[in-house]
N, C-alpha and C. Protein backbone atom coordinates (compact mmCIF):
# COMPACT_ATOMS: atom_id res chain seq x y z
N MET A 1 4.34 7.90 2.71
CA MET A 1 4.43 8.72 2.99
C MET A 1 3.09 9.83 2.57
N PRO A 2 2.78 10.95 3.62
CA PRO A 2 1.89 11.21 3.55
C PRO A 2 1.39 12.61 2.77
N ALA A 3 2.46 13.15 2.25
CA ALA A 3 1.69 14.43 1.25
C ALA A 3 1.97 13.69 -0.14
N VAL A 4 3.22 12.53 -0.16
CA VAL A 4 2.98 11.99 -1.41
C VAL A 4 1.61 11.48 -1.85
N ASP A 5 0.29 11.09 -0.79
CA ASP A 5 -0.70 9.82 -0.45
C ASP A 5 -1.69 11.23 -0.97
N GLU A 6 -1.64 11.95 -0.67
CA GLU A 6 -2.45 13.22 -0.92
C GLU A 6 -2.50 13.62 -2.33
N ILE A 7 -1.12 14.21 -2.61
CA ILE A 7 -0.74 14.50 -4.22
C ILE A 7 -1.30 13.43 -5.34
N ALA A 8 -1.07 12.02 -4.63
CA ALA A 8 -1.97 11.50 -6.04
C ALA A 8 -2.91 11.21 -5.60
N LYS A 9 -3.33 11.80 -4.17
CA LYS A 9 -5.30 11.10 -4.50
C LYS A 9 -5.31 12.55 -5.29
N LEU A 10 -5.15 14.12 -4.38
CA LEU A 10 -5.12 15.54 -5.92
C LEU A 10 -5.50 14.88 -7.34
N LEU A 11 -4.05 13.93 -8.29
CA LEU A 11 -3.97 13.81 -9.41
C LEU A 11 -4.88 13.08 -9.70
N GLU A 12 -5.39 11.62 -8.81
CA GLU A 12 -6.81 10.44 -9.58
C GLU A 12 -7.66 12.13 -9.24
N LYS A 13 -7.93 12.45 -8.85
CA LYS A 13 -9.56 13.65 -8.83
C LYS A 13 -9.45 14.40 -10.00
N ASN A 14 -7.92 15.24 -10.52
CA ASN A 14 -7.65 15.62 -11.98
C ASN A 14 -7.15 14.93 -13.05
N PRO A 15 -8.22 14.37 -13.12
CA PRO A 15 -6.85 13.18 -14.83
C PRO A 15 -6.07 14.31 -15.43
N PRO A 16 -6.74 15.44 -15.94
CA PRO A 16 -6.20 16.15 -16.74
C PRO A 16 -4.71 17.01 -15.73
N LEU A 17 -4.52 17.43 -15.15
CA LEU A 17 -3.59 18.23 -14.29
C LEU A 17 -2.16 16.45 -14.43
N LYS A 18 -1.06 17.55 -14.43
CA LYS A 18 0.26 17.09 -14.05
C LYS A 18 1.26 18.30 -13.86
N LEU A 19 2.52 17.24 -12.80
CA LEU A 19 2.85 17.35 -11.67
C LEU A 19 4.50 17.37 -13.01
N THR A 20 5.40 18.25 -12.24
CA THR A 20 6.88 18.40 -12.22
C THR A 20 7.74 17.85 -10.72
N ILE A 21 7.79 17.26 -10.38
CA ILE A 21 8.14 17.11 -9.32
C ILE A 21 10.00 18.16 -9.48
N GLU A 22 9.81 18.65 -8.65
CA GLU A 22 11.23 19.15 -7.62
C GLU A 22 12.70 18.76 -7.04
N GLY A 23 13.76 18.42 -7.14
CA GLY A 23 14.37 18.01 -6.04
C GLY A 23 15.35 19.19 -5.43
N HIS A 24 15.69 18.83 -4.88
CA HIS A 24 16.33 20.02 -4.18
C HIS A 24 17.59 19.71 -2.92
N THR A 25 18.55 20.14 -2.57
CA THR A 25 19.53 19.75 -1.48
C THR A 25 19.52 22.12 -1.24
N ASP A 26 20.97 21.32 0.00
CA ASP A 26 21.56 22.53 -0.03
C ASP A 26 22.94 23.02 -0.42
N ASN A 27 23.78 24.04 0.13
CA ASN A 27 25.20 24.26 -0.54
C ASN A 27 25.57 23.18 -0.18
N VAL A 28 25.84 22.27 0.74
CA VAL A 28 26.89 21.53 1.00
C VAL A 28 27.52 20.84 -0.16
N GLY A 29 29.11 20.74 0.07
CA GLY A 29 29.61 19.33 -1.01
C GLY A 29 29.07 19.95 -2.37
N ASP A 30 29.59 18.98 -3.22
CA ASP A 30 30.12 19.73 -4.59
C ASP A 30 28.72 19.85 -5.19
N PRO A 31 28.74 20.21 -5.83
CA PRO A 31 27.19 20.72 -7.48
C PRO A 31 26.96 19.42 -7.78
N ALA A 32 27.37 18.48 -8.39
CA ALA A 32 27.48 17.63 -9.35
C ALA A 32 26.74 16.28 -8.50
N HIS A 33 27.65 16.10 -7.29
CA HIS A 33 26.94 15.33 -6.67
C HIS A 33 25.00 15.90 -6.03
N ASN A 34 25.02 16.75 -5.29
CA ASN A 34 23.98 17.61 -4.60
C ASN A 34 22.99 17.10 -6.10
N LYS A 35 23.39 17.41 -7.59
CA LYS A 35 22.84 17.63 -8.24
C LYS A 35 22.07 15.96 -8.72
N ALA A 36 22.90 14.89 -8.52
CA ALA A 36 22.74 13.91 -8.63
C ALA A 36 21.64 13.27 -7.29
N LEU A 37 21.41 13.83 -6.58
CA LEU A 37 20.61 13.35 -5.12
C LEU A 37 19.67 14.54 -5.13
N SER A 38 20.00 15.38 -5.61
CA SER A 38 18.43 16.09 -5.89
C SER A 38 17.29 15.09 -7.37
N GLN A 39 18.10 14.29 -8.41
CA GLN A 39 17.67 13.97 -9.31
C GLN A 39 16.99 12.52 -8.34
N GLN A 40 17.69 12.22 -7.57
CA GLN A 40 17.27 10.72 -6.94
C GLN A 40 16.02 11.17 -6.35
N ARG A 41 16.26 12.25 -5.18
CA ARG A 41 14.95 12.83 -4.60
C ARG A 41 13.54 12.93 -5.33
N ALA A 42 13.92 13.66 -6.82
CA ALA A 42 13.08 13.55 -6.84
C ALA A 42 12.65 12.28 -8.00
N GLY A 43 12.90 11.58 -8.21
CA GLY A 43 12.47 10.22 -8.41
C GLY A 43 12.14 9.35 -7.69
N ALA A 44 12.16 9.04 -6.24
CA ALA A 44 11.75 8.08 -5.49
C ALA A 44 10.46 9.12 -5.58
N VAL A 45 9.77 10.63 -5.56
CA VAL A 45 8.70 10.72 -5.31
C VAL A 45 8.09 10.09 -6.70
N MET A 46 8.37 10.18 -7.81
CA MET A 46 8.04 10.13 -8.30
C MET A 46 7.63 8.85 -8.12
N GLY A 47 8.30 7.69 -8.04
CA GLY A 47 8.32 6.27 -8.64
C GLY A 47 6.74 5.83 -7.20
N SER A 48 6.81 6.94 -6.15
CA SER A 48 5.90 6.44 -5.01
C SER A 48 4.89 6.59 -5.95
N LEU A 49 4.27 8.24 -6.51
CA LEU A 49 3.28 8.21 -7.77
C LEU A 49 2.39 7.52 -8.22
N VAL A 50 3.78 6.40 -9.18
CA VAL A 50 2.97 5.53 -10.09
C VAL A 50 3.19 4.03 -9.19
N ALA A 51 3.77 4.11 -8.43
CA ALA A 51 2.79 3.27 -7.88
C ALA A 51 1.62 3.20 -6.77
N ALA A 52 1.32 4.09 -7.12
CA ALA A 52 -0.12 4.61 -6.88
C ALA A 52 -0.66 5.00 -7.68
N GLY A 53 -0.50 4.61 -8.66
CA GLY A 53 -1.01 4.28 -9.75
C GLY A 53 -1.47 5.34 -11.06
N ILE A 54 -0.67 6.74 -10.49
CA ILE A 54 -0.56 7.71 -11.59
C ILE A 54 0.25 7.32 -12.78
N ALA A 55 -0.56 7.35 -14.06
CA ALA A 55 0.42 7.36 -15.09
C ALA A 55 1.88 7.96 -15.02
N LYS A 56 2.87 7.28 -15.63
CA LYS A 56 4.55 8.57 -15.64
C LYS A 56 4.34 9.28 -16.58
N GLU A 57 3.46 9.43 -17.93
CA GLU A 57 3.43 10.22 -18.59
C GLU A 57 3.28 11.83 -18.25
N ARG A 58 1.97 11.82 -16.91
CA ARG A 58 2.04 13.10 -16.44
C ARG A 58 3.20 13.27 -15.38
N LEU A 59 3.63 12.82 -15.31
CA LEU A 59 4.43 12.94 -13.91
C LEU A 59 6.10 13.86 -14.99
N SER A 60 7.14 14.62 -14.86
CA SER A 60 8.39 15.03 -14.44
C SER A 60 8.83 15.45 -13.79
N THR A 61 10.37 15.30 -13.72
CA THR A 61 10.73 15.05 -12.89
C THR A 61 12.17 16.42 -13.31
N LEU A 62 12.27 17.52 -12.23
CA LEU A 62 13.75 18.37 -12.27
C LEU A 62 14.68 18.44 -10.75
N ALA A 63 15.81 19.18 -10.97
CA ALA A 63 16.96 18.37 -9.97
C ALA A 63 16.85 19.53 -10.15
N TRP A 64 17.98 20.33 -8.77
CA TRP A 64 18.10 21.71 -9.04
C TRP A 64 19.46 21.03 -7.73
N ALA A 65 20.20 21.92 -8.14
CA ALA A 65 21.68 22.08 -6.85
C ALA A 65 22.11 23.31 -6.68
N ILE A 66 22.66 24.22 -5.43
CA ILE A 66 22.71 25.22 -5.88
C ILE A 66 24.27 25.26 -5.36
N PRO A 67 24.88 25.56 -5.90
CA PRO A 67 26.00 25.65 -5.89
C PRO A 67 26.68 26.14 -4.35
N SER A 68 28.07 25.01 -4.07
CA SER A 68 28.81 26.14 -3.09
C SER A 68 29.10 27.25 -2.80
N ARG A 69 29.55 27.69 -3.89
CA ARG A 69 29.29 29.33 -3.92
C ARG A 69 27.78 30.45 -3.39
N TRP A 70 27.24 30.10 -2.91
CA TRP A 70 26.09 30.63 -3.02
C TRP A 70 25.84 30.63 -1.62
N PRO A 71 25.70 31.25 -0.78
CA PRO A 71 25.16 31.60 0.57
C PRO A 71 23.45 31.47 0.64
N ILE A 72 22.48 30.38 1.73
CA ILE A 72 21.91 30.17 1.80
C ILE A 72 21.78 31.36 3.04
N THR A 73 21.01 32.33 2.87
CA THR A 73 21.19 33.03 3.86
C THR A 73 19.33 33.34 4.54
N LYS A 74 18.17 32.65 4.24
CA LYS A 74 17.03 32.72 4.69
C LYS A 74 16.64 31.06 5.43
N MET A 75 18.13 30.33 4.92
CA MET A 75 18.09 29.94 6.30
C MET A 75 18.70 29.64 7.34
N LYS A 76 17.53 29.36 9.37
CA LYS A 76 18.13 30.19 9.97
C LYS A 76 19.70 28.65 10.29
N ALA A 77 20.76 29.39 11.02
CA ALA A 77 21.36 29.05 11.44
C ALA A 77 21.79 28.24 12.08
N ASP A 78 21.03 28.10 13.06
CA ASP A 78 20.66 26.54 13.85
C ASP A 78 20.00 25.41 13.50
N ALA A 79 19.45 25.69 12.38
CA ALA A 79 18.09 24.38 12.17
C ALA A 79 18.88 23.91 10.82
N PRO A 80 19.03 22.03 12.18
CA PRO A 80 19.54 21.43 11.12
C PRO A 80 19.66 21.05 9.62
N ARG A 81 20.18 20.34 8.89
CA ARG A 81 20.28 20.25 8.61
C ARG A 81 18.84 19.28 7.67
N THR A 82 19.12 18.58 8.83
CA THR A 82 17.77 17.73 8.29
C THR A 82 16.26 17.86 8.53
N ASP A 83 16.23 18.83 8.69
CA ASP A 83 14.71 19.03 9.46
C ASP A 83 13.60 19.52 8.79
N ALA A 84 13.51 17.72 8.49
CA ALA A 84 12.03 17.26 7.74
C ALA A 84 10.95 18.01 7.50
N SER A 85 10.44 18.49 9.80
CA SER A 85 8.83 18.91 9.84
C SER A 85 8.67 20.69 8.31
N SER A 86 10.50 21.13 8.68
CA SER A 86 9.46 22.11 7.41
C SER A 86 9.58 22.24 6.66
N TRP A 87 11.02 20.84 6.17
CA TRP A 87 10.12 20.84 4.55
C TRP A 87 8.87 20.19 3.85
N SER A 88 8.23 19.08 5.43
CA SER A 88 6.92 19.15 4.87
C SER A 88 5.89 20.20 5.31
N ASN A 89 6.59 20.80 5.69
CA ASN A 89 5.21 22.35 6.32
C ASN A 89 4.96 22.76 5.12
N VAL A 90 5.66 23.20 4.25
CA VAL A 90 6.34 23.10 2.32
C VAL A 90 5.74 23.06 2.21
N ALA A 91 6.11 21.47 2.10
CA ALA A 91 4.73 20.82 0.82
C ALA A 91 3.61 21.03 1.10
N GLU A 92 3.31 20.74 1.97
CA GLU A 92 2.10 20.72 2.92
C GLU A 92 0.98 21.90 1.84
N LYS A 93 1.75 23.57 1.87
CA LYS A 93 1.78 24.67 1.82
C LYS A 93 2.04 24.34 0.45
N ARG A 94 2.55 24.18 -0.73
CA ARG A 94 2.00 24.01 -2.01
C ARG A 94 1.00 22.80 -2.10
N LEU A 95 0.91 21.37 -1.50
CA LEU A 95 0.15 20.93 -2.22
C LEU A 95 -1.69 21.82 -1.55
N GLN A 96 -1.69 22.60 -0.59
CA GLN A 96 -3.16 23.29 -0.76
C GLN A 96 -3.19 24.30 -1.27
N ALA A 97 -1.97 24.48 -1.78
CA ALA A 97 -2.22 26.15 -3.07
C ALA A 97 -2.47 26.04 -4.06
N ALA A 98 -1.84 24.05 -4.74
CA ALA A 98 -1.71 23.49 -6.30
C ALA A 98 -3.99 23.21 -5.65
N GLN A 99 -4.40 22.51 -5.07
CA GLN A 99 -5.77 21.89 -4.42
C GLN A 99 -6.42 22.82 -5.07
N ALA A 100 -6.02 24.31 -4.44
CA ALA A 100 -6.73 24.98 -3.98
C ALA A 100 -7.11 26.36 -5.94
N ALA A 101 -5.78 26.31 -6.54
CA ALA A 101 -5.55 26.42 -7.94
C ALA A 101 -6.05 25.67 -8.60
N CYS A 102 -6.42 24.03 -8.29
CA CYS A 102 -7.09 23.52 -9.48
C CYS A 102 -8.93 23.55 -9.58
N CYS A 103 -9.15 23.41 -8.18
CA CYS A 103 -10.34 23.58 -7.57
C CYS A 103 -11.03 25.09 -8.10
N LYS A 104 -10.58 26.02 -8.50
CA LYS A 104 -10.89 27.20 -9.52
C LYS A 104 -11.15 26.96 -10.90
N LYS A 105 -10.51 25.99 -11.18
CA LYS A 105 -10.32 26.17 -12.42
C LYS A 105 -11.59 25.26 -12.91
N VAL A 106 -11.77 24.26 -12.05
CA VAL A 106 -12.71 22.99 -12.32
C VAL A 106 -13.94 23.85 -11.84
N GLY A 107 -14.05 24.94 -10.90
CA GLY A 107 -15.69 24.86 -10.68
C GLY A 107 -15.49 26.69 -11.44
N SER A 108 -14.68 26.70 -11.98
CA SER A 108 -14.75 28.18 -12.70
C SER A 108 -16.10 27.46 -13.78
């Protein structure tokens, strides 16, 4: 997972940095199932980071599930639910923001 590799590199370069990994789902299906799925997703990323040598104590997870009664108004109606490229873009933008914020703090 290229995004996870980049996050691991960022954490390796910045030992004091801690990270909360958030897992998300959409609003389709049972909220309890979606929350469990969100936790599995966040846990998988955490496991990959730990396998890459990041101390588990620096990581935490948070699971989100949107209740099915909440409309997702910002999603395109014709977009596939598993559009990995859009999630990858979100992850990439968050990583870039974290790197910029981290570098500002270190360089200050």
